Amino acid sequence: MPLFGRTTRMAFLEDGEHLFVIDLTYMTPLENFDPLVAPHFAFIERVYASGRLLTSGAKVPRTGGVIIARGRSIDDIEVLIKDDPFHSAGVADYKITEFRPGNVAAALK
């Protein structure tokens, strides 16, 4: 149920899809990430190609990353991130938050 009865439709969301913020926090020193960076970027490119990711990038300062994704459920997103090499190597902690936009810029409608 939308907050305050407001529903905002977004052109890039299909019926039944929701938005998710995936907040990665690095759990080990950055030098441990070096062998995983190329496979992580390949994973990110594959997921962008599938249409599931909307934007992503490193936090400033570089303590992790943030991904905005679309999916049908948190379970859907949890399955998705299990394929991330950072996740399978246990070098990053992932927090997933679902949200329903109440206001949206005109360019995103």
Protein backbone atom coordinates (compact mmCIF):
# COMPACT_ATOMS: atom_id res chain seq x y z
CA MET A 1 0.00 0.00 0.00
CA PRO A 2 1.50 3.35 -0.97
CA LEU A 3 2.34 5.80 1.77
CA PHE A 4 -0.40 8.43 2.16
CA GLY A 5 -2.29 6.82 -0.74
CA ARG A 6 0.16 8.16 -3.31
CA THR A 7 1.46 5.93 -6.09
CA THR A 8 4.18 7.20 -8.36
CA ARG A 9 4.55 5.34 -11.65
CA MET A 10 8.03 5.13 -13.14
CA ALA A 11 8.60 4.33 -16.81
CA PHE A 12 11.39 1.84 -16.10
CA LEU A 13 9.40 -0.26 -13.60
CA GLU A 14 7.19 -3.05 -14.87
CA ASP A 15 4.01 -4.05 -13.02
CA GLY A 16 4.92 -5.85 -9.81
CA GLU A 17 8.47 -4.51 -9.67
CA HIS A 18 9.94 -2.60 -6.76
CA LEU A 19 13.08 -0.52 -6.21
CA PHE A 20 15.91 -1.64 -3.96
CA VAL A 21 18.98 0.05 -2.55
CA ILE A 22 21.85 -2.40 -2.15
CA ASP A 23 24.41 -0.96 0.25
CA LEU A 24 27.78 -2.73 0.18
CA THR A 25 30.28 -2.25 2.99
CA TYR A 26 33.82 -3.55 2.51
CA MET A 27 34.80 -5.97 5.27
CA THR A 28 38.52 -6.32 4.46
CA PRO A 29 41.34 -3.98 3.39
CA LEU A 30 41.11 -2.70 -0.19
CA GLU A 31 44.18 -4.66 -1.33
CA ASN A 32 42.15 -7.87 -0.81
CA PHE A 33 39.74 -6.69 -3.53
CA ASP A 34 42.31 -6.43 -6.35
CA PRO A 35 41.88 -9.99 -7.70
CA LEU A 36 38.08 -9.64 -7.49
CA VAL A 37 37.63 -6.28 -9.24
CA ALA A 38 37.55 -7.58 -12.84
CA PRO A 39 35.09 -10.43 -12.04
CA HIS A 40 32.94 -7.99 -10.01
CA PHE A 41 32.78 -5.54 -12.94
CA ALA A 42 31.91 -8.43 -15.29
CA PHE A 43 29.07 -9.39 -12.91
CA ILE A 44 27.83 -5.78 -12.80
CA GLU A 45 27.90 -5.54 -16.63
CA ARG A 46 25.89 -8.79 -16.95
CA VAL A 47 23.26 -7.54 -14.53
CA TYR A 48 23.03 -4.16 -16.30
CA ALA A 49 22.52 -6.06 -19.57
CA SER A 50 19.61 -7.93 -17.96
CA GLY A 51 17.93 -4.59 -17.12
CA ARG A 52 17.94 -5.22 -13.36
CA LEU A 53 20.33 -2.41 -12.35
CA LEU A 54 19.55 1.29 -12.69
CA THR A 55 22.72 2.83 -11.28
CA SER A 56 25.72 1.84 -9.19
CA GLY A 57 29.01 3.17 -7.94
CA ALA A 58 31.59 3.45 -5.18
CA LYS A 59 30.94 5.26 -1.92
CA VAL A 60 33.02 8.35 -1.13
CA PRO A 61 35.19 7.72 0.79
CA ARG A 62 35.76 4.27 -0.71
CA THR A 63 34.27 2.07 2.01
CA GLY A 64 31.89 0.14 -0.22
CA GLY A 65 29.36 0.75 -2.95
CA VAL A 66 25.71 1.51 -3.64
CA ILE A 67 23.48 -0.14 -6.23
CA ILE A 68 19.93 0.83 -7.18
CA ALA A 69 18.14 -2.20 -8.60
CA ARG A 70 14.67 -3.26 -9.62
CA GLY A 71 13.06 -6.58 -8.85
CA ARG A 72 9.92 -8.33 -7.69
CA SER A 73 11.04 -9.07 -4.11
CA ILE A 74 13.92 -8.88 -1.68
CA ASP A 75 14.38 -12.63 -2.26
CA ASP A 76 14.84 -11.83 -5.95
CA ILE A 77 17.61 -9.35 -5.12
CA GLU A 78 19.28 -11.70 -2.61
CA VAL A 79 19.53 -14.37 -5.31
CA LEU A 80 20.97 -11.77 -7.68
CA ILE A 81 23.77 -10.60 -5.37
CA LYS A 82 24.87 -14.15 -4.52
CA ASP A 83 26.54 -14.17 -7.96
CA ASP A 84 28.65 -11.09 -7.14
CA PRO A 85 32.27 -12.20 -6.59
CA PHE A 86 32.54 -9.74 -3.68
CA HIS A 87 29.65 -11.59 -2.02
CA SER A 88 30.90 -15.12 -2.70
CA ALA A 89 34.40 -14.21 -1.44
CA GLY A 90 32.91 -12.73 1.74
CA VAL A 91 34.76 -9.42 1.38
CA ALA A 92 31.65 -7.21 1.45
CA ASP A 93 28.54 -7.04 3.59
CA TYR A 94 25.27 -6.35 1.75
CA LYS A 95 22.26 -4.52 3.15
CA ILE A 96 19.16 -4.52 0.93
CA THR A 97 16.42 -1.93 1.44
CA GLU A 98 13.20 -1.91 -0.57
CA PHE A 99 11.59 1.47 -1.12
CA ARG A 100 8.54 2.93 -2.83
CA PRO A 101 9.19 6.34 -4.34
CA GLY A 102 6.62 8.94 -3.36
CA ASN A 103 8.06 11.70 -5.52
CA VAL A 104 9.92 11.34 -8.78
CA ALA A 105 11.66 13.79 -11.11
CA ALA A 106 9.74 14.37 -14.33
CA ALA A 107 12.57 12.81 -16.35
CA LEU A 108 11.99 9.48 -14.57
CA LYS A 109 8.21 9.27 -15.03
